């Protein structure tokens, strides 16, 4: 099966110095991969390469490049403050040339998928942090992307909301099975979310190691209390500690 996205020996240089690489990542269709590593290691830079928002200084990026095939959710919901939830979600479809009525119909369905069918007319200021992130997820999913990129989407939320949204992302994934790259600082969150956790070194980020999480997706109830979860989290933490010590 051909990869849905691939970074091959990519390096990114900024005026202040190298931010990433050399770094390799291959993502299969429908796979969920988490990227973890210290601040400044280049996790978000790798995500921008996959999104087509940035080009590597060296190396090769291969990605799903058709219109609507890649969607990104950032740490902040980045919603238009003057627009309703349904209009925010319809925006990618309207920008792609879809008729307003059809776009709003699909946006309403996407909001229903994230449990916000009762908040179609709400403005961002009327939404909680978790609700705003659900709107952002609905907007990302409304185009039925093959690749979904999540850049620390739960970082500003409380623990209860983070856990609920993690389960929501899995439920949404099970409906259309996009490949997902999930960036986080949180080892346990990475193990819960992904079937494979990729650990990066200090910047410029390189591959330090990987942990495979041998458990079904979506996660079964009580997964965080299982030996599989604990062992994967401990293995990931050891890899991260070794990468930090060697840097």
Protein backbone atom coordinates (compact mmCIF):
# COMPACT_ATOMS: atom_id res chain seq x y z
CA UNK A 1 0.00 0.00 0.00
CA UNK A 2 1.44 3.38 -1.00
CA UNK A 3 2.03 5.95 1.77
CA UNK A 4 -0.46 8.78 2.12
CA UNK A 5 2.40 11.11 3.10
CA UNK A 6 6.15 10.91 3.46
CA UNK A 7 9.04 13.06 4.67
CA UNK A 8 12.37 11.84 3.29
CA UNK A 9 15.58 13.27 4.80
CA UNK A 10 13.91 16.66 5.21
CA UNK A 11 15.80 19.57 6.73
CA UNK A 12 14.45 23.05 7.44
CA UNK A 13 16.82 25.97 8.00
CA UNK A 14 15.81 29.38 9.31
CA UNK A 15 18.03 32.46 9.68
CA UNK A 16 18.55 31.53 13.34
CA UNK A 17 19.72 28.04 12.40
CA UNK A 18 18.37 24.61 11.57
CA UNK A 19 14.90 23.87 12.96
CA UNK A 20 14.40 20.30 11.77
CA UNK A 21 16.28 17.34 10.46
CA UNK A 22 17.39 15.37 8.84
CA UNK A 23 14.05 13.71 9.58
CA UNK A 24 12.08 10.87 7.98
CA UNK A 25 8.42 9.94 8.47
CA UNK A 26 6.17 7.64 6.46
CA UNK A 27 2.41 7.60 7.03
CA UNK A 28 0.14 4.85 5.73
CA UNK A 29 -3.51 5.43 4.75
CA UNK A 30 -5.74 5.38 7.83
CA UNK A 31 -2.82 5.31 10.27
CA UNK A 32 -2.70 7.47 13.40
CA UNK A 33 0.80 8.63 14.33
CA UNK A 34 1.73 10.88 17.24
CA UNK A 35 4.82 13.10 17.28
CA UNK A 36 6.32 13.86 20.69
CA UNK A 37 9.46 15.70 21.66
CA UNK A 38 10.75 18.70 23.60
CA UNK A 39 9.71 22.26 22.79
CA UNK A 40 11.52 23.59 19.74
CA UNK A 41 12.33 20.16 18.29
CA UNK A 42 10.46 20.83 15.04
CA UNK A 43 7.20 18.92 15.56
CA UNK A 44 5.08 21.76 14.22
CA UNK A 45 7.57 22.38 11.41
CA UNK A 46 7.17 18.74 10.31
CA UNK A 47 3.40 19.21 10.38
CA UNK A 48 3.62 22.35 8.23
CA UNK A 49 5.69 20.42 5.69
CA UNK A 50 2.99 17.73 5.54
CA UNK A 51 0.32 20.42 5.20
CA UNK A 52 2.13 22.11 2.31
CA UNK A 53 2.39 25.32 4.33
CA UNK A 54 6.18 25.26 4.19
CA UNK A 55 8.85 23.78 1.92
CA UNK A 56 11.95 21.92 3.12
CA UNK A 57 15.38 23.43 2.68
CA UNK A 58 16.55 19.97 1.68
CA UNK A 59 14.87 16.61 1.30
CA UNK A 60 11.56 15.49 -0.19
CA UNK A 61 7.93 15.82 0.89
CA UNK A 62 5.23 13.63 -0.62
CA UNK A 63 1.66 14.25 0.48
CA UNK A 64 -2.01 14.06 -0.47
CA UNK A 65 -2.14 17.28 -2.45
CA UNK A 66 -5.60 17.43 -4.01
CA UNK A 67 -8.07 20.12 -2.97
CA UNK A 68 -9.52 19.28 0.45
CA UNK A 69 -7.42 16.12 0.84
CA UNK A 70 -5.38 17.57 3.72
CA UNK A 71 -6.87 19.43 6.69
CA UNK A 72 -5.13 21.04 9.66
CA UNK A 73 -6.35 21.78 13.18
CA UNK A 74 -4.14 24.15 15.15
CA UNK A 75 -3.75 24.65 18.91
CA UNK A 76 -6.05 27.69 18.72
CA UNK A 77 -9.37 27.07 16.95
CA UNK A 78 -8.70 29.98 14.48
CA UNK A 79 -12.39 30.59 13.88
CA UNK A 80 -13.79 33.75 12.29
CA UNK A 81 -15.13 35.62 15.37
CA UNK A 82 -17.92 37.36 13.44
CA UNK A 83 -19.30 34.18 11.87
CA UNK A 84 -21.58 31.48 13.23
CA UNK A 85 -20.40 27.92 13.78
CA UNK A 86 -22.13 26.72 10.62
CA UNK A 87 -20.59 29.50 8.53
CA UNK A 88 -17.13 28.76 9.94
CA UNK A 89 -17.46 25.10 9.03
CA UNK A 90 -18.90 25.82 5.57
CA UNK A 91 -16.00 28.12 4.68
CA UNK A 92 -13.62 25.52 3.11
CA UNK A 93 -16.42 24.24 0.88
CA UNK A 94 -17.45 27.72 -0.23
CA UNK A 95 -13.81 28.64 -0.96
CA UNK A 96 -13.67 25.52 -3.14
CA UNK A 97 -16.61 26.83 -5.16
CA UNK A 98 -19.46 24.85 -3.63
CA UNK A 99 -22.87 26.53 -3.56
CA UNK A 100 -23.69 28.18 -0.25
CA UNK A 101 -26.80 26.07 0.43
CA UNK A 102 -24.97 22.80 -0.22
CA UNK A 103 -21.98 23.92 1.83
CA UNK A 104 -24.18 24.83 4.79
CA UNK A 105 -25.98 21.47 4.55
CA UNK A 106 -22.67 19.61 4.76
CA UNK A 107 -21.47 21.93 7.53
CA UNK A 108 -24.59 21.18 9.59
CA UNK A 109 -23.93 17.46 9.18
CA UNK A 110 -20.28 17.92 10.22
CA UNK A 111 -21.33 19.84 13.33
CA UNK A 112 -23.77 17.07 14.19
CA UNK A 113 -20.88 14.59 13.98
CA UNK A 114 -19.03 16.56 16.68
CA UNK A 115 -22.17 16.82 18.85
CA UNK A 116 -22.84 20.51 18.13
CA UNK A 117 -26.03 20.29 16.09
CA UNK A 118 -27.67 22.57 18.69
CA UNK A 119 -25.06 25.33 18.27
CA UNK A 120 -25.19 26.05 14.53
CA UNK A 121 -25.84 29.77 15.02
CA UNK A 122 -23.43 30.30 17.92
CA UNK A 123 -20.51 32.71 17.47
CA UNK A 124 -17.05 31.67 18.73
CA UNK A 125 -17.33 34.01 21.75
CA UNK A 126 -20.41 32.07 22.86
CA UNK A 127 -18.59 28.72 22.83
CA UNK A 128 -16.46 27.06 25.50
CA UNK A 129 -12.90 26.11 24.62
CA UNK A 130 -13.91 22.51 24.02
CA UNK A 131 -16.87 23.52 21.85
CA UNK A 132 -14.70 25.87 19.77
CA UNK A 133 -12.22 23.04 19.19
CA UNK A 134 -15.11 20.80 18.08
CA UNK A 135 -16.10 23.45 15.54
CA UNK A 136 -12.51 23.51 14.31
CA UNK A 137 -12.55 19.70 14.00
CA UNK A 138 -15.84 19.84 12.09
CA UNK A 139 -14.37 22.40 9.69
CA UNK A 140 -11.32 20.18 9.14
CA UNK A 141 -13.47 17.10 8.48
CA UNK A 142 -16.15 18.68 6.29
CA UNK A 143 -14.04 18.12 3.14
CA UNK A 144 -13.56 14.41 4.01
CA UNK A 145 -9.75 14.70 4.00
CA UNK A 146 -7.45 11.73 3.50
CA UNK A 147 -4.87 13.35 5.82
CA UNK A 148 -5.75 15.15 9.06
CA UNK A 149 -3.00 17.09 10.86
CA UNK A 150 -3.59 18.00 14.52
CA UNK A 151 -1.08 20.45 16.05
CA UNK A 152 -1.49 20.22 19.84
CA UNK A 153 -5.25 20.77 19.51
CA UNK A 154 -6.00 20.06 23.19
CA UNK A 155 -3.08 21.94 24.78
CA UNK A 156 -5.15 24.85 26.12
CA UNK A 157 -7.97 22.68 27.49
CA UNK A 158 -8.57 21.14 30.89
CA UNK A 159 -7.89 17.43 31.43
CA UNK A 160 -11.53 16.34 31.39
CA UNK A 161 -12.19 18.15 28.10
CA UNK A 162 -8.93 16.82 26.61
CA UNK A 163 -9.93 13.24 27.33
CA UNK A 164 -13.43 13.72 25.95
CA UNK A 165 -12.09 15.27 22.76
CA UNK A 166 -9.52 12.48 22.33
CA UNK A 167 -12.37 9.97 22.35
CA UNK A 168 -14.32 12.18 19.94
CA UNK A 169 -11.41 12.25 17.49
CA UNK A 170 -11.26 8.45 17.55
CA UNK A 171 -15.00 8.22 16.94
CA UNK A 172 -14.73 10.62 14.01
CA UNK A 173 -11.73 8.72 12.64
CA UNK A 174 -13.66 5.44 12.73
CA UNK A 175 -16.27 6.89 10.35
CA UNK A 176 -13.97 7.89 7.47
CA UNK A 177 -10.49 6.59 8.48
CA UNK A 178 -8.25 9.52 7.47
CA UNK A 179 -4.57 9.21 8.24
CA UNK A 180 -3.81 11.40 11.27
CA UNK A 181 -0.63 13.02 12.55
CA UNK A 182 -1.13 14.21 16.12
CA UNK A 183 1.46 16.56 17.67
CA UNK A 184 1.62 16.72 21.48
CA UNK A 185 4.00 17.24 24.39
CA UNK A 186 2.07 14.73 26.46
CA UNK A 187 3.38 11.14 26.32
CA UNK A 188 0.23 9.55 27.75
CA UNK A 189 -1.97 11.52 25.36
CA UNK A 190 0.21 10.36 22.46
CA UNK A 191 -0.08 6.70 23.52
CA UNK A 192 -3.85 6.99 23.88
CA UNK A 193 -4.31 8.65 20.50
CA UNK A 194 -1.95 6.79 18.20
CA UNK A 195 -1.04 3.34 16.99
CA UNK A 196 2.55 4.56 16.61
CA UNK A 197 4.36 7.18 18.68
CA UNK A 198 7.35 8.84 17.02
CA UNK A 199 9.84 10.45 19.43
CA UNK A 200 12.00 13.36 18.28
CA UNK A 201 15.28 14.67 19.67
CA UNK A 202 15.97 18.22 20.76
CA UNK A 203 16.04 20.69 17.89
CA UNK A 204 16.94 20.39 15.17
CA UNK A 205 14.60 17.42 15.55
CA UNK A 206 15.64 14.01 14.34
CA UNK A 207 14.14 10.59 14.90
CA UNK A 208 14.98 9.26 18.37
CA UNK A 209 12.78 6.15 18.21
CA UNK A 210 9.26 4.80 17.90
CA UNK A 211 6.78 2.95 20.11
CA UNK A 212 4.09 0.75 18.61
CA UNK A 213 0.86 0.69 20.65
CA UNK A 214 -0.66 -2.75 20.21
CA UNK A 215 -4.29 -1.99 21.03
CA UNK A 216 -7.45 -1.40 18.98
CA UNK A 217 -8.62 1.99 17.79
CA UNK A 218 -10.86 3.53 18.99
CA UNK A 219 -9.58 2.66 22.44
CA UNK A 220 -11.69 0.30 24.59
CA UNK A 221 -13.11 1.56 27.90
CA UNK A 222 -10.52 1.66 30.66
CA UNK A 223 -7.60 1.54 28.22
CA UNK A 224 -5.57 3.97 30.32
CA UNK A 225 -5.54 1.44 33.19
CA UNK A 226 -4.17 -1.45 31.10
CA UNK A 227 -0.66 -2.87 31.02
CA UNK A 228 -0.45 -2.18 27.27
CA UNK A 229 -1.04 1.54 27.86
CA UNK A 230 1.36 1.75 30.79
CA UNK A 231 4.12 -0.20 29.04
CA UNK A 232 3.85 1.90 25.89
CA UNK A 233 3.92 5.13 27.90
CA UNK A 234 6.98 3.98 29.85
CA UNK A 235 8.79 2.87 26.67
CA UNK A 236 8.07 6.21 25.03
CA UNK A 237 9.25 8.10 28.11
CA UNK A 238 12.51 6.11 28.16
CA UNK A 239 13.14 6.93 24.50
CA UNK A 240 12.44 10.59 25.16
CA UNK A 241 14.71 10.66 28.22
CA UNK A 242 17.54 9.02 26.24
CA UNK A 243 17.10 11.50 23.41
CA UNK A 244 17.25 14.42 25.83
CA UNK A 245 20.36 13.04 27.56
CA UNK A 246 22.16 12.48 24.26
CA UNK A 247 21.39 15.90 22.86
